[in-house]
Amino acid sequence: MRLTRRRFVTTTAMAAGTVTFLPYMARAQMAEGDMFSTDAGDIAVHPIAHASFVMETPAGVIYVDPVGDPASYADLPAPDLILITHEHGDHYNADTLAALVGESTVMIANPAVHGMLSDDLKAKASAIANGESSEFNGVAIDAIPAYNTTEERKNFHPQGRDNGYVLSFDGFRVYISGDTEDIPEMRALENIDLAFLCMNLPFTMDVEQAASAVEEFKPTYVYPYHYRGRDGGTQDPQEFASLVGDATEVKMGDWYGG
């Protein structure tokens, strides 16, 4: 069952010691961004670093998992909406949020992160769990499961805790994977125009898993992201691109400074 918790209208793996805060998070990202056309207007995508990015959309400016030095976002518009997938330090940082949140900013997070927020931030935030929905300026936001399926990895992202998201603009659907393996819920997605797909070991997927999932749910465009990490977990986005079928165009964001 899908539950709508709240309507938003605006004016414009540190947990358990499994993830460390990586130094590339402090790098400023000044790229122009890729443009995607929708029936409601253009969407511009600005990779920041690793798992953090910004989308300028007809509904407002959306920050996804913003962490690191707030200066990395200085050349971009302030956020109308912030989406947070889960609590690990490369996806959630309370100090970064406090620096970025403005008077009219609202946030959507999974329940675990919502419970960690300060009272000031919590007043601007709503929690939605797997299978629940919200809305932001007419954009439907569905919380999609994100979890590990390999037995020895299940402690990193246990089933039911973390979110991915599907954002439904007018005639354009965006999938944000968060940290996950190639779960059935991902493979069952339909009509995805733009996807952001994580891949690094041991925490998420390798390139073969990610490419296999893409071949099944067939987004029009996909960004490989979140593909460098500690413990030798780097995955090759070019290899991923070579494995993805012709039905999907692979976009290469500047996630790690070249």
Protein backbone atom coordinates (compact mmCIF):
# COMPACT_ATOMS: atom_id res chain seq x y z
CA MET A 1 0.00 0.00 0.00
CA ARG A 2 1.26 3.49 -0.86
CA LEU A 3 0.73 6.22 1.73
CA THR A 4 0.88 9.96 1.06
CA ARG A 5 2.24 11.56 4.20
CA ARG A 6 2.41 15.26 3.37
CA ARG A 7 2.07 17.75 0.52
CA PHE A 8 5.03 20.08 0.14
CA VAL A 9 4.63 23.47 -1.52
CA THR A 10 7.68 25.75 -1.65
CA THR A 11 8.62 29.06 -3.12
CA THR A 12 11.25 28.09 -5.27
CA ALA A 13 28.48 4.28 5.99
CA MET A 14 29.36 6.05 8.91
CA ALA A 15 26.79 4.03 10.78
CA ALA A 16 28.27 1.08 12.59
CA GLY A 17 31.70 2.10 11.30
CA THR A 18 31.10 0.64 7.86
CA VAL A 19 31.71 3.81 5.86
CA THR A 20 34.25 6.58 6.32
CA PHE A 21 33.96 10.22 5.21
CA LEU A 22 36.03 10.31 2.03
CA PRO A 23 38.32 13.26 1.29
CA TYR A 24 36.98 13.89 -2.22
CA MET A 25 33.74 15.15 -0.66
CA ALA A 26 35.30 18.57 -0.08
CA ARG A 27 36.01 19.21 -3.77
CA ALA A 28 34.01 22.01 -5.36
CA GLN A 29 32.11 21.03 -8.50
CA MET A 30 31.66 23.77 -11.11
CA ALA A 31 30.37 21.82 -14.13
CA GLU A 32 27.62 23.31 -16.27
CA GLY A 33 25.54 20.17 -15.97
CA ASP A 34 23.66 18.02 -18.47
CA MET A 35 20.25 19.11 -19.70
CA PHE A 36 17.22 16.84 -20.07
CA SER A 37 13.96 17.97 -21.69
CA THR A 38 10.60 17.24 -20.08
CA ASP A 39 7.05 18.25 -20.95
CA ALA A 40 7.17 20.74 -18.06
CA GLY A 41 10.59 22.20 -18.90
CA ASP A 42 14.28 21.36 -18.74
CA ILE A 43 16.09 19.54 -15.94
CA ALA A 44 19.78 20.32 -15.37
CA VAL A 45 21.93 17.77 -13.51
CA HIS A 46 25.01 18.91 -11.58
CA PRO A 47 27.19 16.13 -10.14
CA ILE A 48 28.93 17.30 -6.97
CA ALA A 49 30.89 14.28 -5.70
CA HIS A 50 30.41 10.55 -5.19
CA ALA A 51 26.71 10.32 -4.16
CA SER A 52 25.84 14.03 -4.00
CA PHE A 53 24.22 15.89 -6.87
CA VAL A 54 21.87 18.78 -7.63
CA MET A 55 18.97 18.93 -10.08
CA GLU A 56 17.51 22.21 -11.29
CA THR A 57 13.96 21.28 -12.26
CA PRO A 58 10.71 23.01 -13.27
CA ALA A 59 9.43 22.21 -9.76
CA GLY A 60 12.42 23.68 -7.94
CA VAL A 61 16.04 22.95 -7.04
CA ILE A 62 16.57 19.47 -5.60
CA TYR A 63 19.67 18.43 -3.66
CA VAL A 64 20.27 14.70 -3.26
CA ASP A 65 22.38 13.39 -0.35
CA PRO A 66 24.36 16.63 0.09
CA VAL A 67 27.49 16.11 2.18
CA GLY A 68 30.95 17.64 2.43
CA ASP A 69 32.04 21.27 2.26
CA PRO A 70 29.07 23.58 1.72
CA ALA A 71 31.33 25.61 -0.59
CA SER A 72 30.95 22.80 -3.13
CA TYR A 73 27.40 24.10 -3.69
CA ALA A 74 28.19 27.82 -3.67
CA ASP A 75 27.77 28.35 -7.43
CA LEU A 76 24.40 26.57 -7.52
CA PRO A 77 20.94 27.82 -6.49
CA ALA A 78 19.86 27.14 -2.92
CA PRO A 79 17.78 24.00 -2.39
CA ASP A 80 14.01 23.98 -2.39
CA LEU A 81 13.99 20.25 -1.60
CA ILE A 82 16.65 17.99 -0.08
CA LEU A 83 16.34 14.21 -0.46
CA ILE A 84 18.30 11.93 1.86
CA THR A 85 18.52 8.21 1.17
CA HIS A 86 20.17 6.93 4.37
CA GLU A 87 22.45 7.65 7.29
CA HIS A 88 25.94 6.73 6.08
CA GLY A 89 28.44 9.58 6.10
CA ASP A 90 28.77 9.79 2.32
CA HIS A 91 25.00 10.44 2.08
CA TYR A 92 24.05 12.29 5.28
CA ASN A 93 25.91 14.96 7.21
CA ALA A 94 24.09 17.11 9.75
CA ASP A 95 26.56 20.01 9.57
CA THR A 96 26.32 20.21 5.77
CA LEU A 97 22.53 20.19 5.96
CA ALA A 98 22.49 22.93 8.58
CA ALA A 99 24.64 25.11 6.32
CA LEU A 100 22.54 24.51 3.18
CA VAL A 101 18.96 24.56 4.47
CA GLY A 102 17.19 27.87 3.91
CA GLU A 103 13.95 29.33 5.22
CA SER A 104 11.86 27.71 2.48
CA THR A 105 13.79 24.44 2.14
CA VAL A 106 11.97 21.21 2.88
CA MET A 107 13.51 17.77 3.30
CA ILE A 108 12.43 14.18 2.73
CA ALA A 109 14.39 11.37 4.38
CA ASN A 110 14.04 7.76 5.39
CA PRO A 111 12.75 7.32 8.98
CA ALA A 112 16.18 6.46 10.41
CA VAL A 113 17.71 9.74 9.23
CA HIS A 114 14.61 11.70 10.20
CA GLY A 115 15.08 10.48 13.77
CA MET A 116 18.68 11.78 13.80
CA LEU A 117 17.84 15.33 12.74
CA SER A 118 18.05 18.27 15.11
CA ASP A 119 14.74 19.82 16.16
CA ASP A 120 15.31 22.74 13.76
CA LEU A 121 15.92 20.47 10.78
CA LYS A 122 13.19 18.04 11.76
CA ALA A 123 10.67 20.88 11.60
CA LYS A 124 11.43 21.15 7.88
CA ALA A 125 11.51 17.42 7.21
CA SER A 126 9.16 14.54 6.50
CA ALA A 127 9.94 10.84 6.83
CA ILE A 128 8.74 8.34 4.25
CA ALA A 129 9.57 4.65 4.34
CA ASN A 130 9.82 2.02 1.61
CA GLY A 131 6.58 1.94 -0.37
CA GLU A 132 5.35 5.34 0.86
CA SER A 133 5.00 8.53 -1.15
CA SER A 134 5.05 12.29 -0.86
CA GLU A 135 4.71 15.25 -3.22
CA PHE A 136 6.78 18.32 -3.96
CA ASN A 137 5.30 21.07 -6.13
CA GLY A 138 3.31 18.54 -8.14
CA VAL A 139 6.15 16.02 -8.41
CA ALA A 140 5.27 12.61 -6.97
CA ILE A 141 8.09 11.13 -4.87
CA ASP A 142 8.02 7.39 -4.20
CA ALA A 143 10.35 5.76 -1.67
CA ILE A 144 11.87 2.67 -3.29
CA PRO A 145 13.63 -0.04 -1.26
CA ALA A 146 17.44 0.02 -1.20
CA TYR A 147 19.25 -2.89 0.44
CA ASN A 148 21.88 -5.60 0.18
CA THR A 149 20.96 -9.15 -0.81
CA THR A 150 24.37 -10.85 -0.51
CA GLU A 151 24.51 -12.49 2.91
CA GLU A 152 27.83 -11.04 4.03
CA ARG A 153 26.78 -7.53 2.93
CA LYS A 154 23.35 -7.35 4.56
CA ASN A 155 24.67 -5.47 7.58
CA PHE A 156 25.69 -2.55 5.35
CA HIS A 157 22.17 -1.78 4.09
CA PRO A 158 19.56 -3.99 5.75
CA GLN A 159 16.24 -4.48 4.01
CA GLY A 160 13.57 -1.98 5.04
CA ARG A 161 15.80 0.80 6.42
CA ASP A 162 17.11 2.84 3.47
CA ASN A 163 15.43 4.57 0.54
CA GLY A 164 15.90 4.99 -3.13
CA TYR A 165 13.53 7.44 -4.80
CA VAL A 166 11.48 7.75 -7.98
CA LEU A 167 10.52 11.32 -8.91
CA SER A 168 7.70 11.67 -11.42
CA PHE A 169 7.76 14.95 -13.30
CA ASP A 170 5.32 15.67 -16.12
CA GLY A 171 6.30 12.99 -18.65
CA PHE A 172 9.73 12.32 -17.08
CA ARG A 173 10.63 9.86 -14.31
CA VAL A 174 13.90 9.91 -12.36
CA TYR A 175 15.23 6.98 -10.29
CA ILE A 176 17.83 7.56 -7.56
CA SER A 177 19.19 4.25 -6.31
CA GLY A 178 20.81 5.25 -3.03
CA ASP A 179 22.96 2.35 -1.82
CA THR A 180 21.62 -1.00 -2.97
CA GLU A 181 22.31 -4.19 -4.85
CA ASP A 182 20.34 -5.10 -7.98
CA ILE A 183 17.20 -5.90 -6.04
CA PRO A 184 13.91 -7.12 -7.59
CA GLU A 185 12.25 -3.78 -6.84
CA MET A 186 14.83 -2.04 -9.04
CA ARG A 187 14.50 -4.55 -11.86
CA ALA A 188 10.70 -4.12 -11.78
CA LEU A 189 10.83 -0.36 -12.36
CA GLU A 190 9.03 0.89 -15.46
CA ASN A 191 9.16 4.02 -17.61
CA ILE A 192 12.32 5.44 -16.04
CA ASP A 193 13.80 8.23 -18.14
CA LEU A 194 16.85 9.03 -16.00
CA ALA A 195 18.57 6.81 -13.43
CA PHE A 196 21.42 7.34 -10.97
CA LEU A 197 22.92 3.93 -10.23
CA CYS A 198 25.41 3.17 -7.46
CA MET A 199 28.20 0.63 -7.85
CA ASN A 200 31.06 -0.15 -5.51
CA LEU A 201 32.10 -3.17 -3.50
CA PRO A 202 31.59 -4.44 -0.91
CA PHE A 203 28.78 -2.00 -0.10
CA THR A 204 26.61 -2.04 -3.24
CA MET A 205 27.00 -3.60 -6.73
CA ASP A 206 29.75 -4.38 -9.18
CA VAL A 207 29.57 -3.28 -12.82
CA GLU A 208 28.10 -6.59 -13.99
CA GLN A 209 25.21 -6.42 -11.49
CA ALA A 210 24.52 -2.77 -12.30
CA ALA A 211 24.60 -3.31 -16.07
CA SER A 212 22.37 -6.37 -15.81
CA ALA A 213 19.78 -4.39 -13.83
CA VAL A 214 19.87 -1.54 -16.36
CA GLU A 215 19.32 -3.96 -19.22
CA GLU A 216 16.19 -5.16 -17.44
CA PHE A 217 14.49 -1.91 -16.37
CA LYS A 218 15.83 0.04 -19.38
CA PRO A 219 16.08 3.69 -18.35
CA THR A 220 16.57 6.09 -21.24
CA TYR A 221 19.65 7.61 -19.56
CA VAL A 222 21.77 6.39 -16.65
CA TYR A 223 24.55 7.96 -14.59
CA PRO A 224 26.91 5.52 -12.88
CA TYR A 225 27.76 7.15 -9.57
CA HIS A 226 29.08 6.21 -6.12
CA TYR A 227 31.76 4.07 -7.80
CA ARG A 228 34.81 4.83 -5.69
CA GLY A 229 35.24 3.83 -2.07
CA ARG A 230 37.58 2.46 0.54
CA ASP A 231 38.84 -1.14 0.65
CA GLY A 232 39.60 -1.19 -3.07
CA GLY A 233 35.94 -0.91 -3.98
CA THR A 234 36.33 1.19 -7.14
CA GLN A 235 34.24 0.13 -10.15
CA ASP A 236 34.98 1.26 -13.71
CA PRO A 237 32.19 3.38 -15.24
CA GLN A 238 33.60 2.84 -18.72
CA GLU A 239 33.34 -0.92 -18.26
CA PHE A 240 29.78 -0.41 -17.05
CA ALA A 241 29.02 1.60 -20.19
CA SER A 242 30.43 -1.13 -22.41
CA LEU A 243 28.13 -3.69 -20.78
CA VAL A 244 24.93 -1.65 -20.95
CA GLY A 245 22.74 -2.36 -23.95
CA ASP A 246 21.96 0.11 -26.72
CA ALA A 247 18.54 0.89 -25.22
CA THR A 248 20.15 3.11 -22.53
CA GLU A 249 22.52 6.05 -22.96
CA VAL A 250 25.22 6.20 -20.27
CA LYS A 251 26.05 9.68 -18.97
CA MET A 252 29.43 10.31 -17.32
CA GLY A 253 29.31 12.97 -14.64
CA ASP A 254 32.47 14.49 -13.15
CA TRP A 255 31.99 12.88 -9.76
CA TYR A 256 35.66 12.70 -8.76
CA GLY A 257 37.38 15.65 -10.38
CA GLY A 258 38.40 14.02 -13.65
